[in-house]
Amino acid sequence: MPGLERFEGISVHYAATEAEVQVCRGAPVAVVGGGNSAGQAAVSLSTAATKVHLLIRHDDLGRDMSRYLVDQIEQNPKIEVHHNTEVRELVGDDVLELIVVEDTTTGQRTRLPVRALFVFIGTEPQTAWLNGELALDDHGFVLTGEAAASSSEGNGGTPLLLETSRLGVFAAGDVRSGSVKRLASAAGEGAMSVRLVHERLQA
């Protein structure tokens, strides 16, 4: 979308931690995405932002989002859900001033004044360099534990919980197939990997 790269790191974010929430205090923001990460971000940002525009590409908020999040969003007067909507342009000088969105069913375009855009439309793992070295799932995420077991036959044993198809090599966080793609979970898996490395070395 035009303008995206120019505002990355300034007004375009890919996480909604407490730091980003506080930066957006007193300003309108937009969240792109229809999954749980986008829903959680919208709810969190609504505690500080004056308005949260939640933009989803389809017409059913509950299609990819947990019911409890849908309920919170529908009951929150500060969150406005825009169905069948995609971002077409980002406008601003030094910082984001507004976004141009399009209703994909009618083609109508609308200008929404926002000071930040949060993007939660999925991840693309940068694991092409691992292809042929470690077992990956159909989307390129690293298989671990039982999921990697069939690919590790002949490598000296069964993979531990976060161990890949190459015994002694572990994966944690967003790159791992089946991870929940949250910072706290990634940190926890990293800590768990340390214990599992010791367990592998003692095997």
C-alpha atoms as a PDB file:
ATOM      1  CA  MET A   1       0.000   0.000   0.000  1.00  0.00           C
ATOM      2  CA  PRO A   2       1.381   3.469  -0.854  1.00  0.00           C
ATOM      3  CA  GLY A   3       3.165   5.140   2.048  1.00  0.00           C
ATOM      4  CA  LEU A   4       3.607   2.053   4.200  1.00  0.00           C
ATOM      5  CA  GLU A   5       7.397   1.876   4.217  1.00  0.00           C
ATOM      6  CA  ARG A   6       7.732   5.626   4.804  1.00  0.00           C
ATOM      7  CA  PHE A   7       5.821   5.396   8.075  1.00  0.00           C
ATOM      8  CA  GLU A   8       7.187   2.089   9.400  1.00  0.00           C
ATOM      9  CA  GLY A   9       8.770   2.556  12.806  1.00  0.00           C
ATOM     10  CA  ILE A  10       7.111   5.969  13.133  1.00  0.00           C
ATOM     11  CA  SER A  11       3.365   5.518  12.735  1.00  0.00           C
ATOM     12  CA  VAL A  12       3.066   1.935  11.468  1.00  0.00           C
ATOM     13  CA  HIS A  13       3.480  -0.811  14.060  1.00  0.00           C
ATOM     14  CA  TYR A  14       3.361  -4.592  14.099  1.00  0.00           C
ATOM     15  CA  ALA A  15       2.849  -4.973  17.851  1.00  0.00           C
ATOM     16  CA  ALA A  16       0.684  -3.261  20.448  1.00  0.00           C
ATOM     17  CA  THR A  17       2.703  -3.451  23.641  1.00  0.00           C
ATOM     18  CA  GLU A  18       2.205  -1.032  26.511  1.00  0.00           C
ATOM     19  CA  ALA A  19       4.788   1.284  24.910  1.00  0.00           C
ATOM     20  CA  GLU A  20       2.769   1.643  21.698  1.00  0.00           C
ATOM     21  CA  VAL A  21      -0.457   2.012  23.645  1.00  0.00           C
ATOM     22  CA  GLN A  22       0.936   4.954  25.609  1.00  0.00           C
ATOM     23  CA  VAL A  23       2.318   6.634  22.490  1.00  0.00           C
ATOM     24  CA  CYS A  24      -1.201   6.597  21.021  1.00  0.00           C
ATOM     25  CA  ARG A  25      -2.834   8.128  24.075  1.00  0.00           C
ATOM     26  CA  GLY A  26      -5.370  10.774  23.098  1.00  0.00           C
ATOM     27  CA  ALA A  27      -5.256  10.010  19.374  1.00  0.00           C
ATOM     28  CA  PRO A  28      -7.311   7.928  16.907  1.00  0.00           C
ATOM     29  CA  VAL A  29      -5.707   4.755  15.540  1.00  0.00           C
ATOM     30  CA  ALA A  30      -6.491   1.938  13.117  1.00  0.00           C
ATOM     31  CA  VAL A  31      -5.902  -1.802  13.425  1.00  0.00           C
ATOM     32  CA  VAL A  32      -5.782  -4.060  10.369  1.00  0.00           C
ATOM     33  CA  GLY A  33      -6.625  -7.738  10.867  1.00  0.00           C
ATOM     34  CA  GLY A  34      -9.427 -10.077  11.821  1.00  0.00           C
ATOM     35  CA  GLY A  35      -7.692 -12.581  14.096  1.00  0.00           C
ATOM     36  CA  ASN A  36      -7.151 -12.741  17.836  1.00  0.00           C
ATOM     37  CA  SER A  37      -3.969 -10.645  17.723  1.00  0.00           C
ATOM     38  CA  ALA A  38      -5.824  -7.804  16.019  1.00  0.00           C
ATOM     39  CA  GLY A  39      -8.738  -8.114  18.422  1.00  0.00           C
ATOM     40  CA  GLN A  40      -6.500  -8.043  21.476  1.00  0.00           C
ATOM     41  CA  ALA A  41      -4.655  -5.029  20.071  1.00  0.00           C
ATOM     42  CA  ALA A  42      -7.892  -3.153  19.432  1.00  0.00           C
ATOM     43  CA  VAL A  43      -9.130  -3.753  22.975  1.00  0.00           C
ATOM     44  CA  SER A  44      -5.779  -2.768  24.472  1.00  0.00           C
ATOM     45  CA  LEU A  45      -5.452   0.374  22.355  1.00  0.00           C
ATOM     46  CA  SER A  46      -8.983   1.467  23.248  1.00  0.00           C
ATOM     47  CA  THR A  47      -7.806   2.121  26.806  1.00  0.00           C
ATOM     48  CA  ALA A  48      -5.691   5.035  25.561  1.00  0.00           C
ATOM     49  CA  ALA A  49      -6.749   6.007  22.042  1.00  0.00           C
ATOM     50  CA  THR A  50      -9.747   8.250  21.416  1.00  0.00           C
ATOM     51  CA  LYS A  51     -10.991   5.941  18.641  1.00  0.00           C
ATOM     52  CA  VAL A  52      -9.962   2.553  17.285  1.00  0.00           C
ATOM     53  CA  HIS A  53     -10.906   1.642  13.717  1.00  0.00           C
ATOM     54  CA  LEU A  54     -10.728  -2.143  13.304  1.00  0.00           C
ATOM     55  CA  LEU A  55     -10.457  -3.012   9.609  1.00  0.00           C
ATOM     56  CA  ILE A  56     -11.290  -6.561   8.484  1.00  0.00           C
ATOM     57  CA  ARG A  57     -11.316  -7.969   4.952  1.00  0.00           C
ATOM     58  CA  HIS A  58     -14.558  -9.929   5.303  1.00  0.00           C
ATOM     59  CA  ASP A  59     -18.003  -9.435   6.818  1.00  0.00           C
ATOM     60  CA  ASP A  60     -17.854 -11.732   9.861  1.00  0.00           C
ATOM     61  CA  LEU A  61     -15.826 -10.574  12.857  1.00  0.00           C
ATOM     62  CA  GLY A  62     -16.277 -13.954  14.531  1.00  0.00           C
ATOM     63  CA  ARG A  63     -14.867 -15.954  11.609  1.00  0.00           C
ATOM     64  CA  ASP A  64     -11.246 -15.868  12.809  1.00  0.00           C
ATOM     65  CA  MET A  65     -11.615 -14.319  16.255  1.00  0.00           C
ATOM     66  CA  SER A  66     -12.516 -15.850  19.619  1.00  0.00           C
ATOM     67  CA  ARG A  67     -16.059 -15.181  20.819  1.00  0.00           C
ATOM     68  CA  TYR A  68     -14.929 -13.474  24.021  1.00  0.00           C
ATOM     69  CA  LEU A  69     -12.943 -10.924  21.985  1.00  0.00           C
ATOM     70  CA  VAL A  70     -15.821 -10.345  19.582  1.00  0.00           C
ATOM     71  CA  ASP A  71     -18.094  -9.638  22.558  1.00  0.00           C
ATOM     72  CA  GLN A  72     -15.599  -7.171  24.059  1.00  0.00           C
ATOM     73  CA  ILE A  73     -15.203  -5.344  20.762  1.00  0.00           C
ATOM     74  CA  GLU A  74     -18.930  -5.150  20.025  1.00  0.00           C
ATOM     75  CA  GLN A  75     -19.586  -3.748  23.505  1.00  0.00           C
ATOM     76  CA  ASN A  76     -16.765  -1.181  23.332  1.00  0.00           C
ATOM     77  CA  PRO A  77     -18.023   2.230  22.133  1.00  0.00           C
ATOM     78  CA  LYS A  78     -14.482   3.342  21.239  1.00  0.00           C
ATOM     79  CA  ILE A  79     -13.985   0.546  18.693  1.00  0.00           C
ATOM     80  CA  GLU A  80     -15.585   0.812  15.259  1.00  0.00           C
ATOM     81  CA  VAL A  81     -15.441  -2.276  13.046  1.00  0.00           C
ATOM     82  CA  HIS A  82     -15.165  -1.710   9.293  1.00  0.00           C
ATOM     83  CA  HIS A  83     -16.164  -4.868   7.402  1.00  0.00           C
ATOM     84  CA  ASN A  84     -14.956  -5.753   3.886  1.00  0.00           C
ATOM     85  CA  THR A  85     -12.366  -3.004   4.177  1.00  0.00           C
ATOM     86  CA  GLU A  86      -8.782  -2.693   2.965  1.00  0.00           C
ATOM     87  CA  VAL A  87      -6.231   0.114   3.310  1.00  0.00           C
ATOM     88  CA  ARG A  88      -5.341   1.765   0.004  1.00  0.00           C
ATOM     89  CA  GLU A  89      -3.109   4.661   1.020  1.00  0.00           C
ATOM     90  CA  LEU A  90      -1.304   6.234   3.969  1.00  0.00           C
ATOM     91  CA  VAL A  91      -1.155  10.022   4.027  1.00  0.00           C
ATOM     92  CA  GLY A  92       0.935  12.407   6.105  1.00  0.00           C
ATOM     93  CA  ASP A  93       4.129  14.444   6.247  1.00  0.00           C
ATOM     94  CA  ASP A  94       6.458  13.477   9.100  1.00  0.00           C
ATOM     95  CA  VAL A  95       3.842  11.295  10.810  1.00  0.00           C
ATOM     96  CA  LEU A  96       0.690   9.537   9.686  1.00  0.00           C
ATOM     97  CA  GLU A  97      -2.302  11.861   9.435  1.00  0.00           C
ATOM     98  CA  LEU A  98      -4.922   9.713   7.735  1.00  0.00           C
ATOM     99  CA  ILE A  99      -5.503   6.506   5.829  1.00  0.00           C
ATOM    100  CA  VAL A 100      -7.612   5.932   2.745  1.00  0.00           C
ATOM    101  CA  VAL A 101      -9.683   2.761   3.031  1.00  0.00           C
ATOM    102  CA  GLU A 102     -11.899   1.037   0.494  1.00  0.00           C
ATOM    103  CA  ASP A 103     -15.076  -0.961   0.958  1.00  0.00           C
ATOM    104  CA  THR A 104     -14.336  -3.927  -1.293  1.00  0.00           C
ATOM    105  CA  THR A 105     -18.022  -4.652  -1.867  1.00  0.00           C
ATOM    106  CA  THR A 106     -18.953  -1.169  -3.107  1.00  0.00           C
ATOM    107  CA  GLY A 107     -15.617   0.322  -4.115  1.00  0.00           C
ATOM    108  CA  GLN A 108     -16.327   3.381  -1.984  1.00  0.00           C
ATOM    109  CA  ARG A 109     -13.250   5.016  -0.463  1.00  0.00           C
ATOM    110  CA  THR A 110     -13.164   6.808   2.877  1.00  0.00           C
ATOM    111  CA  ARG A 111     -10.501   8.927   4.580  1.00  0.00           C
ATOM    112  CA  LEU A 112     -10.010   8.064   8.251  1.00  0.00           C
ATOM    113  CA  PRO A 113      -7.974  10.465  10.412  1.00  0.00           C
ATOM    114  CA  VAL A 114      -5.564   8.310  12.438  1.00  0.00           C
ATOM    115  CA  ARG A 115      -2.154   8.871  14.005  1.00  0.00           C
ATOM    116  CA  ALA A 116      -1.032   5.231  13.967  1.00  0.00           C
ATOM    117  CA  LEU A 117      -1.704   2.066  12.014  1.00  0.00           C
ATOM    118  CA  PHE A 118      -1.304  -1.374  13.599  1.00  0.00           C
ATOM    119  CA  VAL A 119      -0.935  -4.282  11.185  1.00  0.00           C
ATOM    120  CA  PHE A 120      -1.902  -7.810  12.278  1.00  0.00           C
ATOM    121  CA  ILE A 121      -2.500  -9.672   9.038  1.00  0.00           C
ATOM    122  CA  GLY A 122      -0.380 -12.734   9.643  1.00  0.00           C
ATOM    123  CA  THR A 123       3.296 -13.489   9.446  1.00  0.00           C
ATOM    124  CA  GLU A 124       5.579 -14.842   6.770  1.00  0.00           C
ATOM    125  CA  PRO A 125       8.504 -16.736   8.304  1.00  0.00           C
ATOM    126  CA  GLN A 126      11.932 -15.973   6.858  1.00  0.00           C
ATOM    127  CA  THR A 127      12.966 -19.631   6.787  1.00  0.00           C
ATOM    128  CA  ALA A 128      13.728 -20.302   3.124  1.00  0.00           C
ATOM    129  CA  TRP A 129      17.382 -20.762   4.070  1.00  0.00           C
ATOM    130  CA  LEU A 130      16.370 -23.668   6.321  1.00  0.00           C
ATOM    131  CA  ASN A 131      14.572 -25.605   3.603  1.00  0.00           C
ATOM    132  CA  GLY A 132      16.227 -28.998   3.293  1.00  0.00           C
ATOM    133  CA  GLU A 133      17.968 -28.540   6.640  1.00  0.00           C
ATOM    134  CA  LEU A 134      14.991 -28.611   9.026  1.00  0.00           C
ATOM    135  CA  ALA A 135      11.430 -29.890   8.596  1.00  0.00           C
ATOM    136  CA  LEU A 136       9.011 -27.030   7.885  1.00  0.00           C
ATOM    137  CA  ASP A 137       5.219 -26.978   7.709  1.00  0.00           C
ATOM    138  CA  ASP A 138       3.259 -25.956   4.598  1.00  0.00           C
ATOM    139  CA  HIS A 139       3.595 -22.271   5.533  1.00  0.00           C
ATOM    140  CA  GLY A 140       7.340 -22.369   6.199  1.00  0.00           C
ATOM    141  CA  PHE A 141       7.240 -22.498  10.011  1.00  0.00           C
ATOM    142  CA  VAL A 142       9.669 -24.839  11.780  1.00  0.00           C
ATOM    143  CA  LEU A 143       8.231 -28.143  12.999  1.00  0.00           C
ATOM    144  CA  THR A 144       9.170 -29.172  16.538  1.00  0.00           C
ATOM    145  CA  GLY A 145       8.481 -31.996  18.983  1.00  0.00           C
ATOM    146  CA  GLU A 146       6.039 -34.665  17.836  1.00  0.00           C
ATOM    147  CA  ALA A 147       5.348 -32.783  14.596  1.00  0.00           C
ATOM    148  CA  ALA A 148       9.018 -33.089  13.660  1.00  0.00           C
ATOM    149  CA  ALA A 149       9.357 -36.709  14.788  1.00  0.00           C
ATOM    150  CA  SER A 150       8.666 -38.348  11.419  1.00  0.00           C
ATOM    151  CA  SER A 151      11.332 -36.189   9.780  1.00  0.00           C
ATOM    152  CA  SER A 152      13.950 -36.937  12.422  1.00  0.00           C
ATOM    153  CA  GLU A 153      13.997 -40.715  12.014  1.00  0.00           C
ATOM    154  CA  GLY A 154      17.546 -41.937  11.735  1.00  0.00           C
ATOM    155  CA  ASN A 155      18.918 -38.844  13.478  1.00  0.00           C
ATOM    156  CA  GLY A 156      19.381 -40.571  16.795  1.00  0.00           C
ATOM    157  CA  GLY A 157      16.088 -40.347  18.651  1.00  0.00           C
ATOM    158  CA  THR A 158      12.787 -38.563  19.147  1.00  0.00           C
ATOM    159  CA  PRO A 159      12.725 -34.747  19.281  1.00  0.00           C
ATOM    160  CA  LEU A 160      12.034 -33.082  22.605  1.00  0.00           C
ATOM    161  CA  LEU A 161       9.164 -30.597  22.935  1.00  0.00           C
ATOM    162  CA  LEU A 162      10.829 -27.627  21.165  1.00  0.00           C
ATOM    163  CA  GLU A 163      13.426 -29.616  19.271  1.00  0.00           C
ATOM    164  CA  THR A 164      13.451 -29.633  15.477  1.00  0.00           C
ATOM    165  CA  SER A 165      13.911 -32.517  13.056  1.00  0.00           C
ATOM    166  CA  ARG A 166      17.672 -32.054  13.520  1.00  0.00           C
ATOM    167  CA  LEU A 167      18.304 -33.242  17.063  1.00  0.00           C
ATOM    168  CA  GLY A 168      20.168 -30.663  19.099  1.00  0.00           C
ATOM    169  CA  VAL A 169      18.627 -27.745  17.194  1.00  0.00           C
ATOM    170  CA  PHE A 170      15.703 -26.023  18.911  1.00  0.00           C
ATOM    171  CA  ALA A 171      13.138 -23.447  17.761  1.00  0.00           C
ATOM    172  CA  ALA A 172      11.191 -20.994  19.904  1.00  0.00           C
ATOM    173  CA  GLY A 173       8.815 -18.124  19.314  1.00  0.00           C
ATOM    174  CA  ASP A 174       7.089 -16.953  16.160  1.00  0.00           C
ATOM    175  CA  VAL A 175       9.174 -19.077  13.775  1.00  0.00           C
ATOM    176  CA  ARG A 176       7.922 -22.297  15.372  1.00  0.00           C
ATOM    177  CA  SER A 177       4.924 -24.047  13.843  1.00  0.00           C
ATOM    178  CA  GLY A 178       2.007 -23.979  16.281  1.00  0.00           C
ATOM    179  CA  SER A 179       3.287 -21.087  18.402  1.00  0.00           C
ATOM    180  CA  VAL A 180       0.733 -18.485  19.517  1.00  0.00           C
ATOM    181  CA  LYS A 181       2.764 -15.578  18.069  1.00  0.00           C
ATOM    182  CA  ARG A 182       2.853 -13.555  21.283  1.00  0.00           C
ATOM    183  CA  LEU A 183       5.899 -11.969  22.928  1.00  0.00           C
ATOM    184  CA  ALA A 184       5.327 -13.510  26.349  1.00  0.00           C
ATOM    185  CA  SER A 185       4.980 -16.981  24.862  1.00  0.00           C
ATOM    186  CA  ALA A 186       8.145 -16.546  22.788  1.00  0.00           C
ATOM    187  CA  ALA A 187      10.105 -15.530  25.879  1.00  0.00           C
ATOM    188  CA  GLY A 188       8.730 -18.519  27.769  1.00  0.00           C
ATOM    189  CA  GLU A 189       9.660 -20.913  24.971  1.00  0.00           C
ATOM    190  CA  GLY A 190      13.155 -19.441  24.853  1.00  0.00           C
ATOM    191  CA  ALA A 191      13.602 -20.093  28.563  1.00  0.00           C
ATOM    192  CA  MET A 192      12.200 -23.605  28.175  1.00  0.00           C
ATOM    193  CA  SER A 193      14.644 -24.298  25.350  1.00  0.00           C
ATOM    194  CA  VAL A 194      17.583 -23.739  27.694  1.00  0.00           C
ATOM    195  CA  ARG A 195      16.357 -26.539  29.944  1.00  0.00           C
ATOM    196  CA  LEU A 196      15.714 -28.793  26.964  1.00  0.00           C
ATOM    197  CA  VAL A 197      19.225 -28.178  25.617  1.00  0.00           C
ATOM    198  CA  HIS A 198      20.645 -29.432  28.901  1.00  0.00           C
ATOM    199  CA  GLU A 199      18.332 -32.413  28.725  1.00  0.00           C
ATOM    200  CA  ARG A 200      19.548 -33.217  25.200  1.00  0.00           C
ATOM    201  CA  LEU A 201      23.191 -32.896  26.218  1.00  0.00           C
ATOM    202  CA  GLN A 202      22.650 -35.344  29.063  1.00  0.00           C
ATOM    203  CA  ALA A 203      20.852 -37.896  26.868  1.00  0.00           C
END
